[in-house]
Amino acid sequence: MQVTGVCLDLAKKISHVHGVTVTGEVAFHRPLRRAQVLAFFERLSPCLIGSEACASNLHWGREFS
């Protein structure tokens, strides 16, 4: 199943990620601790990542690129 988009809800301790395929099917929805977020995205193939507008969003944007 090819994930084409991921929504990231950022939080201080536990963030939630929600991935969808090109047809709109839910690929995954899971909570991640802060230390797990980068390792999780390293295993995904390149895709579009959407996130809320907040200060930590800039940090994660730099980490993902």
PDB file of N, CA and C in Angstrom:
ATOM      1  N   MET A   1       0.849  -1.173   0.000  1.00  0.00           N
ATOM      2  CA  MET A   1       0.000   0.000   0.000  1.00  0.00           C
ATOM      3  C   MET A   1       0.899   1.241   0.000  1.00  0.00           C
ATOM      4  N   GLN A   2       0.763   2.079  -1.014  1.00  0.00           N
ATOM      5  CA  GLN A   2       1.585   3.278  -1.158  1.00  0.00           C
ATOM      6  C   GLN A   2       0.920   4.466  -0.459  1.00  0.00           C
ATOM      7  N   VAL A   3       1.582   5.011   0.534  1.00  0.00           N
ATOM      8  CA  VAL A   3       1.089   6.182   1.260  1.00  0.00           C
ATOM      9  C   VAL A   3       1.442   7.420   0.448  1.00  0.00           C
ATOM     10  N   THR A   4       0.439   8.258   0.164  1.00  0.00           N
ATOM     11  CA  THR A   4       0.683   9.473  -0.617  1.00  0.00           C
ATOM     12  C   THR A   4       0.595  10.738   0.225  1.00  0.00           C
ATOM     13  N   GLY A   5      -0.044  10.663   1.369  1.00  0.00           N
ATOM     14  CA  GLY A   5      -0.176  11.834   2.225  1.00  0.00           C
ATOM     15  C   GLY A   5      -0.215  11.456   3.684  1.00  0.00           C
ATOM     16  N   VAL A   6       0.388  12.301   4.509  1.00  0.00           N
ATOM     17  CA  VAL A   6       0.418  12.072   5.953  1.00  0.00           C
ATOM     18  C   VAL A   6       0.047  13.368   6.650  1.00  0.00           C
ATOM     19  N   CYS A   7      -0.832  13.269   7.620  1.00  0.00           N
ATOM     20  CA  CYS A   7      -1.194  14.411   8.455  1.00  0.00           C
ATOM     21  C   CYS A   7      -0.540  14.196   9.812  1.00  0.00           C
ATOM     22  N   LEU A   8       0.134  15.195  10.300  1.00  0.00           N
ATOM     23  CA  LEU A   8       0.857  15.102  11.567  1.00  0.00           C
ATOM     24  C   LEU A   8       0.264  16.103  12.551  1.00  0.00           C
ATOM     25  N   ASP A   9      -0.280  15.593  13.649  1.00  0.00           N
ATOM     26  CA  ASP A   9      -0.806  16.440  14.716  1.00  0.00           C
ATOM     27  C   ASP A   9       0.256  16.493  15.806  1.00  0.00           C
ATOM     28  N   LEU A  10       0.928  17.619  15.930  1.00  0.00           N
ATOM     29  CA  LEU A  10       2.043  17.757  16.857  1.00  0.00           C
ATOM     30  C   LEU A  10       1.575  18.041  18.273  1.00  0.00           C
ATOM     31  N   ALA A  11       2.303  17.499  19.228  1.00  0.00           N
ATOM     32  CA  ALA A  11       2.027  17.740  20.643  1.00  0.00           C
ATOM     33  C   ALA A  11       3.345  17.665  21.412  1.00  0.00           C
ATOM     34  N   LYS A  12       3.310  18.010  22.696  1.00  0.00           N
ATOM     35  CA  LYS A  12       4.537  18.000  23.488  1.00  0.00           C
ATOM     36  C   LYS A  12       5.063  16.588  23.708  1.00  0.00           C
ATOM     37  N   LYS A  13       4.194  15.659  24.030  1.00  0.00           N
ATOM     38  CA  LYS A  13       4.660  14.309  24.350  1.00  0.00           C
ATOM     39  C   LYS A  13       4.249  13.280  23.307  1.00  0.00           C
ATOM     40  N   ILE A  14       2.982  13.257  22.929  1.00  0.00           N
ATOM     41  CA  ILE A  14       2.499  12.245  21.986  1.00  0.00           C
ATOM     42  C   ILE A  14       1.864  12.938  20.790  1.00  0.00           C
ATOM     43  N   SER A  15       2.416  12.663  19.602  1.00  0.00           N
ATOM     44  CA  SER A  15       1.875  13.201  18.358  1.00  0.00           C
ATOM     45  C   SER A  15       1.125  12.086  17.638  1.00  0.00           C
ATOM     46  N   HIS A  16       0.180  12.460  16.806  1.00  0.00           N
ATOM     47  CA  HIS A  16      -0.591  11.474  16.057  1.00  0.00           C
ATOM     48  C   HIS A  16      -0.303  11.636  14.572  1.00  0.00           C
ATOM     49  N   VAL A  17      -0.129  10.518  13.872  1.00  0.00           N
ATOM     50  CA  VAL A  17       0.074  10.536  12.431  1.00  0.00           C
ATOM     51  C   VAL A  17      -1.052   9.747  11.773  1.00  0.00           C
ATOM     52  N   HIS A  18      -1.496  10.253  10.643  1.00  0.00           N
ATOM     53  CA  HIS A  18      -2.604   9.662   9.903  1.00  0.00           C
ATOM     54  C   HIS A  18      -2.190   9.640   8.440  1.00  0.00           C
ATOM     55  N   GLY A  19      -2.070   8.443   7.864  1.00  0.00           N
ATOM     56  CA  GLY A  19      -1.637   8.324   6.480  1.00  0.00           C
ATOM     57  C   GLY A  19      -2.755   7.836   5.580  1.00  0.00           C
ATOM     58  N   VAL A  20      -2.786   8.334   4.345  1.00  0.00           N
ATOM     59  CA  VAL A  20      -3.794   7.923   3.372  1.00  0.00           C
ATOM     60  C   VAL A  20      -3.121   7.535   2.053  1.00  0.00           C
ATOM     61  N   THR A  21      -3.823   6.698   1.292  1.00  0.00           N
ATOM     62  CA  THR A  21      -3.354   6.284  -0.026  1.00  0.00           C
ATOM     63  C   THR A  21      -3.925   7.221  -1.077  1.00  0.00           C
ATOM     64  N   VAL A  22      -3.555   6.991  -2.334  1.00  0.00           N
ATOM     65  CA  VAL A  22      -4.021   7.838  -3.431  1.00  0.00           C
ATOM     66  C   VAL A  22      -5.543   7.744  -3.602  1.00  0.00           C
ATOM     67  N   THR A  23      -6.147   6.638  -3.196  1.00  0.00           N
ATOM     68  CA  THR A  23      -7.600   6.473  -3.310  1.00  0.00           C
ATOM     69  C   THR A  23      -8.347   7.011  -2.094  1.00  0.00           C
ATOM     70  N   GLY A  24      -7.608   7.499  -1.090  1.00  0.00           N
ATOM     71  CA  GLY A  24      -8.237   8.061   0.097  1.00  0.00           C
ATOM     72  C   GLY A  24      -8.445   7.059   1.219  1.00  0.00           C
ATOM     73  N   GLU A  25      -7.971   5.831   1.037  1.00  0.00           N
ATOM     74  CA  GLU A  25      -8.091   4.820   2.089  1.00  0.00           C
ATOM     75  C   GLU A  25      -7.104   5.140   3.215  1.00  0.00           C
ATOM     76  N   VAL A  26      -7.511   4.855   4.433  1.00  0.00           N
ATOM     77  CA  VAL A  26      -6.637   5.072   5.590  1.00  0.00           C
ATOM     78  C   VAL A  26      -5.572   3.983   5.597  1.00  0.00           C
ATOM     79  N   ALA A  27      -4.314   4.383   5.549  1.00  0.00           N
ATOM     80  CA  ALA A  27      -3.198   3.439   5.583  1.00  0.00           C
ATOM     81  C   ALA A  27      -2.782   3.153   7.026  1.00  0.00           C
ATOM     82  N   PHE A  28      -2.798   4.181   7.855  1.00  0.00           N
ATOM     83  CA  PHE A  28      -2.465   4.019   9.271  1.00  0.00           C
ATOM     84  C   PHE A  28      -2.952   5.228  10.047  1.00  0.00           C
ATOM     85  N   HIS A  29      -3.115   5.045  11.317  1.00  0.00           N
ATOM     86  CA  HIS A  29      -3.440   6.119  12.260  1.00  0.00           C
ATOM     87  C   HIS A  29      -2.874   5.664  13.589  1.00  0.00           C
ATOM     88  N   ARG A  30      -1.838   6.350  14.045  1.00  0.00           N
ATOM     89  CA  ARG A  30      -1.215   5.897  15.274  1.00  0.00           C
ATOM     90  C   ARG A  30      -0.573   7.036  16.052  1.00  0.00           C
ATOM     91  N   PRO A  31      -0.494   6.869  17.362  1.00  0.00           N
ATOM     92  CA  PRO A  31       0.215   7.843  18.192  1.00  0.00           C
ATOM     93  C   PRO A  31       1.704   7.524  18.210  1.00  0.00           C
ATOM     94  N   LEU A  32       2.521   8.566  18.299  1.00  0.00           N
ATOM     95  CA  LEU A  32       3.975   8.400  18.383  1.00  0.00           C
ATOM     96  C   LEU A  32       4.530   9.314  19.460  1.00  0.00           C
ATOM     97  N   ARG A  33       5.468   8.793  20.207  1.00  0.00           N
ATOM     98  CA  ARG A  33       6.190   9.653  21.147  1.00  0.00           C
ATOM     99  C   ARG A  33       7.148  10.537  20.349  1.00  0.00           C
ATOM    100  N   ARG A  34       7.553  11.632  20.938  1.00  0.00           N
ATOM    101  CA  ARG A  34       8.413  12.602  20.242  1.00  0.00           C
ATOM    102  C   ARG A  34       9.686  11.945  19.682  1.00  0.00           C
ATOM    103  N   ALA A  35      10.275  11.042  20.427  1.00  0.00           N
ATOM    104  CA  ALA A  35      11.508  10.384  19.998  1.00  0.00           C
ATOM    105  C   ALA A  35      11.276   9.413  18.835  1.00  0.00           C
ATOM    106  N   GLN A  36      10.039   9.007  18.594  1.00  0.00           N
ATOM    107  CA  GLN A  36       9.731   8.041  17.538  1.00  0.00           C
ATOM    108  C   GLN A  36       9.370   8.690  16.207  1.00  0.00           C
ATOM    109  N   VAL A  37       9.077   9.975  16.198  1.00  0.00           N
ATOM    110  CA  VAL A  37       8.546  10.635  15.002  1.00  0.00           C
ATOM    111  C   VAL A  37       9.529  10.584  13.835  1.00  0.00           C
ATOM    112  N   LEU A  38      10.752  10.978  14.031  1.00  0.00           N
ATOM    113  CA  LEU A  38      11.720  11.025  12.936  1.00  0.00           C
ATOM    114  C   LEU A  38      12.011   9.623  12.396  1.00  0.00           C
ATOM    115  N   ALA A  39      12.174   8.653  13.270  1.00  0.00           N
ATOM    116  CA  ALA A  39      12.422   7.272  12.832  1.00  0.00           C
ATOM    117  C   ALA A  39      11.242   6.730  12.030  1.00  0.00           C
ATOM    118  N   PHE A  40      10.028   7.091  12.405  1.00  0.00           N
ATOM    119  CA  PHE A  40       8.843   6.645  11.684  1.00  0.00           C
ATOM    120  C   PHE A  40       8.840   7.188  10.258  1.00  0.00           C
ATOM    121  N   PHE A  41       9.130   8.474  10.097  1.00  0.00           N
ATOM    122  CA  PHE A  41       9.115   9.079   8.766  1.00  0.00           C
ATOM    123  C   PHE A  41      10.303   8.633   7.912  1.00  0.00           C
ATOM    124  N   GLU A  42      11.390   8.241   8.520  1.00  0.00           N
ATOM    125  CA  GLU A  42      12.528   7.722   7.753  1.00  0.00           C
ATOM    126  C   GLU A  42      12.178   6.425   7.040  1.00  0.00           C
ATOM    127  N   ARG A  43      11.258   5.640   7.592  1.00  0.00           N
ATOM    128  CA  ARG A  43      10.859   4.371   6.981  1.00  0.00           C
ATOM    129  C   ARG A  43       9.830   4.543   5.874  1.00  0.00           C
ATOM    130  N   LEU A  44       9.171   5.691   5.806  1.00  0.00           N
ATOM    131  CA  LEU A  44       8.161   5.928   4.766  1.00  0.00           C
ATOM    132  C   LEU A  44       8.815   6.349   3.457  1.00  0.00           C
ATOM    133  N   SER A  45       8.169   6.004   2.362  1.00  0.00           N
ATOM    134  CA  SER A  45       8.629   6.527   1.078  1.00  0.00           C
ATOM    135  C   SER A  45       8.241   8.011   0.999  1.00  0.00           C
ATOM    136  N   PRO A  46       8.876   8.794   0.136  1.00  0.00           N
ATOM    137  CA  PRO A  46       8.559  10.222   0.049  1.00  0.00           C
ATOM    138  C   PRO A  46       7.068  10.456  -0.206  1.00  0.00           C
ATOM    139  N   CYS A  47       6.491  11.379   0.552  1.00  0.00           N
ATOM    140  CA  CYS A  47       5.072  11.687   0.420  1.00  0.00           C
ATOM    141  C   CYS A  47       4.826  13.114   0.914  1.00  0.00           C
ATOM    142  N   LEU A  48       3.618  13.578   0.721  1.00  0.00           N
ATOM    143  CA  LEU A  48       3.220  14.903   1.175  1.00  0.00           C
ATOM    144  C   LEU A  48       2.907  14.848   2.665  1.00  0.00           C
ATOM    145  N   ILE A  49       3.477  15.777   3.434  1.00  0.00           N
ATOM    146  CA  ILE A  49       3.243  15.829   4.877  1.00  0.00           C
ATOM    147  C   ILE A  49       2.550  17.128   5.208  1.00  0.00           C
ATOM    148  N   GLY A  50       1.401  17.028   5.844  1.00  0.00           N
ATOM    149  CA  GLY A  50       0.663  18.207   6.293  1.00  0.00           C
ATOM    150  C   GLY A  50       0.712  18.299   7.801  1.00  0.00           C
ATOM    151  N   SER A  51       0.801  19.513   8.309  1.00  0.00           N
ATOM    152  CA  SER A  51       0.898  19.710   9.745  1.00  0.00           C
ATOM    153  C   SER A  51       0.212  21.015  10.119  1.00  0.00           C
ATOM    154  N   GLU A  52      -0.082  21.142  11.390  1.00  0.00           N
ATOM    155  CA  GLU A  52      -0.671  22.380  11.877  1.00  0.00           C
ATOM    156  C   GLU A  52       0.382  23.484  11.901  1.00  0.00           C
ATOM    157  N   ALA A  53      -0.053  24.702  11.914  1.00  0.00           N
ATOM    158  CA  ALA A  53       0.869  25.837  11.960  1.00  0.00           C
ATOM    159  C   ALA A  53       1.189  26.154  13.422  1.00  0.00           C
ATOM    160  N   CYS A  54       2.400  25.815  13.832  1.00  0.00           N
ATOM    161  CA  CYS A  54       2.845  26.114  15.195  1.00  0.00           C
ATOM    162  C   CYS A  54       4.363  26.239  15.197  1.00  0.00           C
ATOM    163  N   ALA A  55       4.921  26.624  16.303  1.00  0.00           N
ATOM    164  CA  ALA A  55       6.363  26.849  16.380  1.00  0.00           C
ATOM    165  C   ALA A  55       7.154  25.569  16.138  1.00  0.00           C
ATOM    166  N   SER A  56       6.705  24.449  16.654  1.00  0.00           N
ATOM    167  CA  SER A  56       7.458  23.205  16.471  1.00  0.00           C
ATOM    168  C   SER A  56       7.346  22.674  15.047  1.00  0.00           C
ATOM    169  N   ASN A  57       6.381  23.175  14.281  1.00  0.00           N
ATOM    170  CA  ASN A  57       6.246  22.780  12.889  1.00  0.00           C
ATOM    171  C   ASN A  57       7.498  23.155  12.101  1.00  0.00           C
ATOM    172  N   LEU A  58       8.096  24.291  12.384  1.00  0.00           N
ATOM    173  CA  LEU A  58       9.323  24.714  11.704  1.00  0.00           C
ATOM    174  C   LEU A  58      10.466  23.754  12.004  1.00  0.00           C
ATOM    175  N   HIS A  59      10.563  23.328  13.234  1.00  0.00           N
ATOM    176  CA  HIS A  59      11.596  22.361  13.619  1.00  0.00           C
ATOM    177  C   HIS A  59      11.433  21.056  12.848  1.00  0.00           C
ATOM    178  N   TRP A  60      10.220  20.510  12.833  1.00  0.00           N
ATOM    179  CA  TRP A  60       9.996  19.233  12.155  1.00  0.00           C
ATOM    180  C   TRP A  60      10.151  19.370  10.646  1.00  0.00           C
ATOM    181  N   GLY A  61       9.825  20.506  10.091  1.00  0.00           N
ATOM    182  CA  GLY A  61      10.021  20.724   8.659  1.00  0.00           C
ATOM    183  C   GLY A  61      11.488  20.639   8.279  1.00  0.00           C
ATOM    184  N   ARG A  62      12.338  21.204   9.115  1.00  0.00           N
ATOM    185  CA  ARG A  62      13.782  21.109   8.871  1.00  0.00           C
ATOM    186  C   ARG A  62      14.268  19.670   9.026  1.00  0.00           C
ATOM    187  N   GLU A  63      13.753  18.960  10.013  1.00  0.00           N
ATOM    188  CA  GLU A  63      14.160  17.571  10.231  1.00  0.00           C
ATOM    189  C   GLU A  63      13.736  16.682   9.061  1.00  0.00           C
ATOM    190  N   PHE A  64      12.550  16.894   8.525  1.00  0.00           N
ATOM    191  CA  PHE A  64      12.053  16.050   7.438  1.00  0.00           C
ATOM    192  C   PHE A  64      12.780  16.319   6.133  1.00  0.00           C
ATOM    193  N   SER A  65      13.239  17.538   5.928  1.00  0.00           N
ATOM    194  CA  SER A  65      13.949  17.827   4.674  1.00  0.00           C
ATOM    195  C   SER A  65      15.389  17.447   4.831  1.00  0.00           C
TER     196      SER A  65
END
